[in-house]
């Protein structure tokens, strides 16, 4: 599993690939529109061109499919990666604040300093449990304000 220093360049690279593929797809869509307009004019009899390359239409459609599927797949992967990172951060937060994933009773639980056990969520609800534990954590006092010194 890549470490934090490797994750950011990996995500940046994926984002660059997505943007590059998106630009290529948009250019191909414009070219396909132009080719379809030309073909429509030829078929309607408004333009005489017997040398129109029909393969360009098929090629453009394939390029749009290829680049669009790359964009959609990479966006899906980025979403899954972000979800995995969020889950891991939530689990770290829970365990660092004393929560435990129990098998009986099943789920995330927090035992307060007074010995009260609180149910935080089901085992697969890590993010919701991390949000819920904040209610039960001791409040940290605000830093004392420095007193103004009176001048002599």
N, C-alpha and C. Protein backbone atom coordinates (compact mmCIF):
# COMPACT_ATOMS: atom_id res chain seq x y z
N UNK A 1 0.85 -1.18 0.00
CA UNK A 1 0.00 0.00 0.00
C UNK A 1 0.89 1.24 0.00
N UNK A 2 0.60 2.21 -0.88
CA UNK A 2 1.45 3.39 -0.94
C UNK A 2 1.31 4.25 0.30
N UNK A 3 2.41 4.88 0.65
CA UNK A 3 2.41 5.76 1.81
C UNK A 3 1.84 7.12 1.45
N UNK A 4 1.69 8.01 2.44
CA UNK A 4 1.12 9.32 2.19
C UNK A 4 1.91 10.13 1.16
N UNK A 5 3.24 9.96 1.14
CA UNK A 5 4.04 10.74 0.20
C UNK A 5 3.85 10.25 -1.23
N UNK A 6 3.44 9.00 -1.40
CA UNK A 6 3.21 8.46 -2.74
C UNK A 6 1.78 8.69 -3.20
N UNK A 7 0.86 8.87 -2.30
CA UNK A 7 -0.54 9.01 -2.66
C UNK A 7 -0.81 10.31 -3.40
N UNK A 8 -0.27 11.41 -2.93
CA UNK A 8 -0.54 12.70 -3.56
C UNK A 8 -0.07 12.74 -5.01
N UNK A 9 1.16 12.31 -5.34
CA UNK A 9 1.56 12.29 -6.75
C UNK A 9 0.70 11.35 -7.59
N UNK A 10 0.26 10.25 -6.99
CA UNK A 10 -0.58 9.31 -7.72
C UNK A 10 -1.92 9.96 -8.05
N UNK A 11 -2.51 10.66 -7.10
CA UNK A 11 -3.78 11.33 -7.34
C UNK A 11 -3.60 12.46 -8.34
N UNK A 12 -2.50 13.20 -8.21
CA UNK A 12 -2.23 14.29 -9.15
C UNK A 12 -2.09 13.75 -10.57
N UNK A 13 -1.40 12.64 -10.72
CA UNK A 13 -1.23 12.02 -12.03
C UNK A 13 -2.57 11.57 -12.60
N UNK A 14 -3.41 10.98 -11.76
CA UNK A 14 -4.73 10.56 -12.23
C UNK A 14 -5.56 11.76 -12.65
N UNK A 15 -5.50 12.84 -11.89
CA UNK A 15 -6.25 14.05 -12.24
C UNK A 15 -5.77 14.62 -13.57
N UNK A 16 -4.45 14.60 -13.80
CA UNK A 16 -3.91 15.08 -15.07
C UNK A 16 -4.37 14.20 -16.22
N UNK A 17 -4.38 12.88 -16.01
CA UNK A 17 -4.87 11.96 -17.04
C UNK A 17 -6.34 12.20 -17.34
N UNK A 18 -7.12 12.45 -16.31
CA UNK A 18 -8.55 12.72 -16.51
C UNK A 18 -8.74 13.97 -17.34
N UNK A 19 -8.02 15.03 -16.99
CA UNK A 19 -8.16 16.29 -17.73
C UNK A 19 -7.70 16.15 -19.17
N UNK A 20 -6.61 15.44 -19.39
CA UNK A 20 -6.10 15.22 -20.74
C UNK A 20 -7.12 14.43 -21.57
N UNK A 21 -7.66 13.36 -21.00
CA UNK A 21 -8.65 12.55 -21.71
C UNK A 21 -9.92 13.35 -21.97
N UNK A 22 -10.31 14.18 -21.01
CA UNK A 22 -11.51 15.01 -21.18
C UNK A 22 -11.33 15.99 -22.34
N UNK A 23 -10.15 16.61 -22.43
CA UNK A 23 -9.88 17.54 -23.53
C UNK A 23 -9.89 16.83 -24.88
N UNK A 24 -9.29 15.64 -24.93
CA UNK A 24 -9.28 14.87 -26.18
C UNK A 24 -10.70 14.51 -26.59
N UNK A 25 -11.51 14.07 -25.63
CA UNK A 25 -12.90 13.70 -25.93
C UNK A 25 -13.68 14.90 -26.44
N UNK A 26 -13.48 16.07 -25.84
CA UNK A 26 -14.20 17.26 -26.29
C UNK A 26 -13.77 17.67 -27.69
N UNK A 27 -12.48 17.54 -28.00
CA UNK A 27 -12.01 17.85 -29.35
C UNK A 27 -12.60 16.87 -30.36
N UNK A 28 -12.66 15.59 -29.99
CA UNK A 28 -13.23 14.59 -30.89
C UNK A 28 -14.73 14.82 -31.10
N UNK A 29 -15.42 15.26 -30.07
CA UNK A 29 -16.85 15.56 -30.21
C UNK A 29 -17.05 16.69 -31.21
N UNK A 30 -16.22 17.73 -31.10
CA UNK A 30 -16.31 18.84 -32.06
C UNK A 30 -16.02 18.36 -33.48
N UNK A 31 -14.99 17.51 -33.65
CA UNK A 31 -14.65 16.99 -34.98
C UNK A 31 -15.77 16.11 -35.51
N UNK A 32 -16.37 15.30 -34.63
CA UNK A 32 -17.46 14.44 -35.05
C UNK A 32 -18.67 15.26 -35.47
N UNK A 33 -18.98 16.31 -34.72
CA UNK A 33 -20.10 17.19 -35.10
C UNK A 33 -19.87 17.78 -36.49
N UNK A 34 -18.64 18.22 -36.73
CA UNK A 34 -18.30 18.81 -38.03
C UNK A 34 -18.45 17.76 -39.14
N UNK A 35 -17.93 16.54 -38.90
CA UNK A 35 -18.05 15.48 -39.90
C UNK A 35 -19.50 15.09 -40.14
N UNK A 36 -20.29 15.02 -39.09
CA UNK A 36 -21.71 14.67 -39.24
C UNK A 36 -22.47 15.75 -40.00
N UNK A 37 -22.13 17.01 -39.75
CA UNK A 37 -22.77 18.11 -40.49
C UNK A 37 -22.42 18.01 -41.97
N UNK A 38 -21.16 17.73 -42.26
CA UNK A 38 -20.74 17.57 -43.65
C UNK A 38 -21.45 16.39 -44.29
N UNK A 39 -21.53 15.27 -43.60
CA UNK A 39 -22.21 14.09 -44.13
C UNK A 39 -23.69 14.38 -44.36
N UNK A 40 -24.30 15.10 -43.45
CA UNK A 40 -25.72 15.45 -43.60
C UNK A 40 -25.93 16.29 -44.85
N UNK A 41 -25.03 17.24 -45.08
CA UNK A 41 -25.14 18.09 -46.27
C UNK A 41 -24.94 17.27 -47.55
N UNK A 42 -24.04 16.30 -47.51
CA UNK A 42 -23.82 15.44 -48.68
C UNK A 42 -25.06 14.59 -48.95
N UNK A 43 -25.60 13.98 -47.90
CA UNK A 43 -26.76 13.11 -48.06
C UNK A 43 -28.02 13.88 -48.46
N UNK A 44 -28.12 15.14 -48.04
CA UNK A 44 -29.27 15.96 -48.41
C UNK A 44 -29.13 16.52 -49.82
N UNK A 45 -27.97 16.34 -50.41
CA UNK A 45 -27.75 16.81 -51.78
C UNK A 45 -27.33 18.26 -51.87
N UNK A 46 -27.00 18.88 -50.76
CA UNK A 46 -26.58 20.28 -50.77
C UNK A 46 -25.09 20.41 -51.04
N UNK A 47 -24.37 19.30 -50.95
CA UNK A 47 -22.94 19.35 -51.19
C UNK A 47 -22.55 18.13 -52.01
N UNK A 48 -21.71 18.34 -52.99
CA UNK A 48 -21.24 17.24 -53.84
C UNK A 48 -19.83 16.87 -53.40
N UNK A 49 -19.72 15.75 -52.73
CA UNK A 49 -18.40 15.27 -52.31
C UNK A 49 -18.47 13.76 -52.23
N UNK A 50 -17.90 13.11 -53.20
CA UNK A 50 -17.93 11.65 -53.21
C UNK A 50 -16.74 11.06 -52.49
N UNK A 51 -15.81 11.88 -52.07
CA UNK A 51 -14.59 11.41 -51.41
C UNK A 51 -14.64 11.63 -49.89
N UNK A 52 -15.81 11.71 -49.32
CA UNK A 52 -15.93 11.94 -47.88
C UNK A 52 -15.47 10.68 -47.13
N UNK A 53 -14.50 10.82 -46.20
CA UNK A 53 -13.98 9.65 -45.47
C UNK A 53 -14.93 9.24 -44.33
N UNK A 54 -15.77 8.26 -44.58
CA UNK A 54 -16.71 7.79 -43.56
C UNK A 54 -16.00 7.18 -42.35
N UNK A 55 -14.80 6.70 -42.57
CA UNK A 55 -14.05 6.10 -41.46
C UNK A 55 -13.74 7.13 -40.38
N UNK A 56 -13.68 8.42 -40.74
CA UNK A 56 -13.44 9.47 -39.74
C UNK A 56 -14.55 9.50 -38.70
N UNK A 57 -15.77 9.25 -39.13
CA UNK A 57 -16.90 9.25 -38.19
C UNK A 57 -16.75 8.09 -37.21
N UNK A 58 -16.44 6.92 -37.73
CA UNK A 58 -16.26 5.76 -36.86
C UNK A 58 -15.06 5.95 -35.93
N UNK A 59 -13.99 6.51 -36.46
CA UNK A 59 -12.79 6.74 -35.64
C UNK A 59 -13.08 7.74 -34.53
N UNK A 60 -13.77 8.83 -34.85
CA UNK A 60 -14.11 9.83 -33.83
C UNK A 60 -14.99 9.23 -32.75
N UNK A 61 -15.99 8.44 -33.16
CA UNK A 61 -16.88 7.82 -32.17
C UNK A 61 -16.10 6.88 -31.25
N UNK A 62 -15.16 6.12 -31.82
CA UNK A 62 -14.36 5.22 -31.00
C UNK A 62 -13.46 6.00 -30.04
N UNK A 63 -12.86 7.08 -30.50
CA UNK A 63 -12.00 7.89 -29.63
C UNK A 63 -12.81 8.51 -28.50
N UNK A 64 -14.03 8.95 -28.81
CA UNK A 64 -14.90 9.51 -27.77
C UNK A 64 -15.21 8.44 -26.73
N UNK A 65 -15.53 7.23 -27.21
CA UNK A 65 -15.80 6.12 -26.29
C UNK A 65 -14.58 5.82 -25.42
N UNK A 66 -13.41 5.72 -26.04
CA UNK A 66 -12.19 5.35 -25.32
C UNK A 66 -11.83 6.39 -24.27
N UNK A 67 -11.81 7.66 -24.66
CA UNK A 67 -11.40 8.69 -23.71
C UNK A 67 -12.46 8.94 -22.64
N UNK A 68 -13.72 8.88 -23.02
CA UNK A 68 -14.79 9.08 -22.03
C UNK A 68 -14.80 7.96 -21.01
N UNK A 69 -14.59 6.73 -21.46
CA UNK A 69 -14.56 5.62 -20.50
C UNK A 69 -13.36 5.75 -19.57
N UNK A 70 -12.25 6.27 -20.07
CA UNK A 70 -11.07 6.51 -19.23
C UNK A 70 -11.39 7.56 -18.16
N UNK A 71 -12.05 8.64 -18.57
CA UNK A 71 -12.43 9.69 -17.63
C UNK A 71 -13.35 9.14 -16.55
N UNK A 72 -14.39 8.43 -16.96
CA UNK A 72 -15.37 7.92 -16.00
C UNK A 72 -14.75 6.89 -15.06
N UNK A 73 -13.91 6.01 -15.58
CA UNK A 73 -13.27 4.99 -14.74
C UNK A 73 -12.31 5.63 -13.74
N UNK A 74 -11.51 6.58 -14.18
CA UNK A 74 -10.58 7.24 -13.26
C UNK A 74 -11.31 8.05 -12.21
N UNK A 75 -12.41 8.70 -12.57
CA UNK A 75 -13.19 9.43 -11.57
C UNK A 75 -13.79 8.48 -10.54
N UNK A 76 -14.23 7.31 -11.00
CA UNK A 76 -14.76 6.30 -10.08
C UNK A 76 -13.66 5.83 -9.13
N UNK A 77 -12.47 5.56 -9.69
CA UNK A 77 -11.34 5.13 -8.86
C UNK A 77 -10.94 6.19 -7.84
N UNK A 78 -10.92 7.45 -8.26
CA UNK A 78 -10.59 8.53 -7.33
C UNK A 78 -11.60 8.60 -6.20
N UNK A 79 -12.87 8.43 -6.52
CA UNK A 79 -13.91 8.42 -5.50
C UNK A 79 -13.72 7.29 -4.50
N UNK A 80 -13.39 6.11 -5.02
CA UNK A 80 -13.15 4.96 -4.14
C UNK A 80 -11.91 5.17 -3.28
N UNK A 81 -10.87 5.77 -3.88
CA UNK A 81 -9.65 6.05 -3.11
C UNK A 81 -9.95 7.05 -2.00
N UNK A 82 -10.72 8.08 -2.29
CA UNK A 82 -11.06 9.08 -1.28
C UNK A 82 -11.88 8.45 -0.17
N UNK A 83 -12.80 7.56 -0.54
CA UNK A 83 -13.61 6.88 0.47
C UNK A 83 -12.74 6.01 1.37
N UNK A 84 -11.76 5.32 0.78
CA UNK A 84 -10.86 4.47 1.57
C UNK A 84 -10.01 5.32 2.52
N UNK A 85 -9.54 6.46 2.04
CA UNK A 85 -8.76 7.36 2.89
C UNK A 85 -9.63 7.88 4.03
N UNK A 86 -10.86 8.28 3.73
CA UNK A 86 -11.77 8.77 4.76
C UNK A 86 -12.04 7.69 5.81
N UNK A 87 -12.25 6.45 5.35
CA UNK A 87 -12.48 5.33 6.28
C UNK A 87 -11.27 5.12 7.18
N UNK A 88 -10.07 5.14 6.59
CA UNK A 88 -8.85 4.92 7.38
C UNK A 88 -8.64 6.03 8.39
N UNK A 89 -8.87 7.28 7.97
CA UNK A 89 -8.72 8.40 8.90
C UNK A 89 -9.73 8.31 10.04
N UNK A 90 -10.97 7.93 9.71
CA UNK A 90 -12.00 7.80 10.73
C UNK A 90 -11.64 6.69 11.71
N UNK A 91 -11.13 5.57 11.18
CA UNK A 91 -10.74 4.47 12.06
C UNK A 91 -9.58 4.87 12.97
N UNK A 92 -8.61 5.58 12.42
CA UNK A 92 -7.49 6.07 13.24
C UNK A 92 -7.99 7.01 14.33
N UNK A 93 -8.92 7.90 13.97
CA UNK A 93 -9.48 8.84 14.94
C UNK A 93 -10.20 8.08 16.05
N UNK A 94 -10.99 7.09 15.67
CA UNK A 94 -11.72 6.31 16.67
C UNK A 94 -10.77 5.60 17.63
N UNK A 95 -9.80 4.89 17.08
CA UNK A 95 -8.90 4.13 17.95
C UNK A 95 -8.01 5.04 18.79
N UNK A 96 -7.61 6.18 18.25
CA UNK A 96 -6.77 7.09 19.03
C UNK A 96 -7.54 7.75 20.16
N UNK A 97 -8.86 7.75 20.07
CA UNK A 97 -9.68 8.34 21.13
C UNK A 97 -10.34 7.29 22.01
N UNK A 98 -9.87 6.05 21.92
CA UNK A 98 -10.33 5.02 22.84
C UNK A 98 -11.51 4.19 22.38
N UNK A 99 -11.97 4.35 21.16
CA UNK A 99 -13.08 3.53 20.68
C UNK A 99 -12.55 2.16 20.29
N UNK A 100 -13.43 1.17 20.39
CA UNK A 100 -13.04 -0.21 20.07
C UNK A 100 -14.11 -0.83 19.18
N UNK A 101 -13.66 -1.62 18.23
CA UNK A 101 -14.58 -2.37 17.38
C UNK A 101 -14.81 -3.72 18.03
N UNK A 102 -15.99 -3.90 18.61
CA UNK A 102 -16.30 -5.13 19.34
C UNK A 102 -17.06 -6.11 18.45
N UNK A 103 -16.92 -7.39 18.80
CA UNK A 103 -17.69 -8.41 18.08
C UNK A 103 -18.97 -8.74 18.83
N UNK A 104 -18.99 -8.52 20.15
CA UNK A 104 -20.19 -8.76 20.93
C UNK A 104 -20.28 -7.74 22.04
N UNK A 105 -21.14 -6.83 22.10
CA UNK A 105 -22.10 -6.45 21.07
C UNK A 105 -21.36 -5.86 19.86
N UNK A 106 -21.83 -6.20 18.70
CA UNK A 106 -21.13 -5.86 17.47
C UNK A 106 -21.19 -4.36 17.19
N UNK A 107 -20.05 -3.80 16.81
CA UNK A 107 -20.00 -2.41 16.40
C UNK A 107 -18.91 -1.63 17.11
N UNK A 108 -18.86 -0.35 16.78
CA UNK A 108 -17.90 0.57 17.40
C UNK A 108 -18.47 1.02 18.73
N UNK A 109 -17.66 0.93 19.78
CA UNK A 109 -18.08 1.34 21.12
C UNK A 109 -17.01 2.21 21.75
N UNK A 110 -17.47 3.10 22.62
CA UNK A 110 -16.57 3.97 23.37
C UNK A 110 -16.92 3.82 24.83
N UNK A 111 -15.92 3.57 25.65
CA UNK A 111 -16.13 3.48 27.09
C UNK A 111 -15.56 4.76 27.70
N UNK A 112 -16.44 5.53 28.31
CA UNK A 112 -16.04 6.83 28.86
C UNK A 112 -15.16 6.62 30.08
N UNK A 113 -14.47 7.68 30.51
CA UNK A 113 -13.65 7.58 31.72
C UNK A 113 -14.46 7.18 32.95
N UNK A 114 -15.78 7.44 32.93
CA UNK A 114 -16.64 7.05 34.06
C UNK A 114 -17.10 5.60 33.94
N UNK A 115 -16.72 4.91 32.86
CA UNK A 115 -17.08 3.51 32.68
C UNK A 115 -18.37 3.27 31.92
N UNK A 116 -18.92 4.29 31.30
CA UNK A 116 -20.16 4.15 30.55
C UNK A 116 -19.82 3.76 29.11
N UNK A 117 -20.41 2.63 28.66
CA UNK A 117 -20.15 2.19 27.29
C UNK A 117 -21.19 2.81 26.36
N UNK A 118 -20.70 3.45 25.30
CA UNK A 118 -21.56 4.11 24.32
C UNK A 118 -21.43 3.41 22.97
N UNK A 119 -22.56 3.10 22.35
CA UNK A 119 -22.55 2.53 21.00
C UNK A 119 -22.39 3.67 20.01
N UNK A 120 -21.42 3.53 19.11
CA UNK A 120 -21.14 4.58 18.13
C UNK A 120 -21.65 4.26 16.74
N UNK A 121 -21.72 2.98 16.40
CA UNK A 121 -22.20 2.61 15.07
C UNK A 121 -21.83 1.19 14.72
N UNK A 122 -22.42 0.73 13.63
CA UNK A 122 -22.14 -0.61 13.12
C UNK A 122 -20.69 -0.69 12.63
N UNK A 123 -20.16 -1.90 12.47
CA UNK A 123 -18.77 -2.04 12.03
C UNK A 123 -18.46 -1.35 10.70
N UNK A 124 -19.43 -1.30 9.81
CA UNK A 124 -19.19 -0.68 8.50
C UNK A 124 -19.53 0.81 8.47
N UNK A 125 -19.87 1.38 9.60
CA UNK A 125 -20.21 2.80 9.69
C UNK A 125 -19.11 3.56 10.42
N UNK A 126 -17.89 3.41 9.95
CA UNK A 126 -16.73 3.99 10.63
C UNK A 126 -16.78 5.51 10.64
N UNK A 127 -17.14 6.11 9.52
CA UNK A 127 -17.16 7.58 9.43
C UNK A 127 -18.24 8.15 10.34
N UNK A 128 -19.42 7.53 10.35
CA UNK A 128 -20.49 8.00 11.23
C UNK A 128 -20.10 7.83 12.70
N UNK A 129 -19.42 6.73 13.01
CA UNK A 129 -18.97 6.51 14.40
C UNK A 129 -17.95 7.55 14.82
N UNK A 130 -17.06 7.93 13.90
CA UNK A 130 -16.06 8.96 14.21
C UNK A 130 -16.74 10.30 14.48
N UNK A 131 -17.80 10.58 13.77
CA UNK A 131 -18.55 11.81 14.01
C UNK A 131 -19.26 11.75 15.36
N UNK A 132 -19.83 10.58 15.66
CA UNK A 132 -20.60 10.43 16.89
C UNK A 132 -19.74 10.46 18.15
N UNK A 133 -18.50 9.96 18.06
CA UNK A 133 -17.64 9.90 19.25
C UNK A 133 -17.30 11.30 19.76
N UNK A 134 -17.33 12.28 18.88
CA UNK A 134 -16.98 13.65 19.28
C UNK A 134 -17.90 14.17 20.39
N UNK A 135 -19.14 13.66 20.42
CA UNK A 135 -20.08 14.08 21.47
C UNK A 135 -19.62 13.65 22.86
N UNK A 136 -18.95 12.51 22.91
CA UNK A 136 -18.60 11.91 24.19
C UNK A 136 -17.19 12.22 24.66
N UNK A 137 -16.40 12.81 23.81
CA UNK A 137 -15.02 13.13 24.20
C UNK A 137 -15.03 14.32 25.15
N UNK A 138 -14.11 14.34 26.11
CA UNK A 138 -14.05 15.47 27.03
C UNK A 138 -13.73 16.75 26.25
N UNK A 139 -14.38 17.80 26.66
CA UNK A 139 -14.15 19.10 26.02
C UNK A 139 -12.80 19.62 26.45
N UNK A 140 -12.03 20.10 25.51
CA UNK A 140 -10.73 20.68 25.85
C UNK A 140 -10.96 22.14 26.20
N UNK A 141 -10.42 22.58 27.32
CA UNK A 141 -10.63 23.98 27.72
C UNK A 141 -9.92 24.92 26.75
N UNK A 142 -10.51 26.06 26.57
CA UNK A 142 -9.90 27.08 25.71
C UNK A 142 -8.64 27.60 26.37
N UNK A 143 -7.70 28.00 25.57
CA UNK A 143 -6.46 28.55 26.11
C UNK A 143 -6.77 29.83 26.87
N UNK A 144 -6.16 30.01 28.04
CA UNK A 144 -6.45 31.23 28.81
C UNK A 144 -5.95 32.46 28.05
N UNK A 145 -6.76 33.50 28.14
CA UNK A 145 -6.39 34.75 27.48
C UNK A 145 -5.33 35.46 28.32
N UNK A 146 -4.32 36.01 27.66
CA UNK A 146 -3.31 36.74 28.43
C UNK A 146 -3.93 38.01 29.04
N UNK A 147 -3.56 38.25 30.30
CA UNK A 147 -4.10 39.43 30.98
C UNK A 147 -3.33 40.66 30.52
N UNK A 148 -4.07 41.72 30.36
CA UNK A 148 -3.43 42.99 29.95
C UNK A 148 -2.67 43.55 31.14
N UNK A 149 -1.43 43.92 30.88
CA UNK A 149 -0.63 44.48 31.96
C UNK A 149 -0.94 45.97 32.09
N UNK A 150 -1.05 46.38 33.33
CA UNK A 150 -1.30 47.81 33.53
C UNK A 150 0.03 48.53 33.64
N UNK A 151 0.13 49.63 32.95
CA UNK A 151 1.39 50.39 32.94
C UNK A 151 1.55 51.25 34.17
N UNK A 152 2.81 51.48 34.61
CA UNK A 152 3.07 52.32 35.79
C UNK A 152 3.13 53.74 35.39
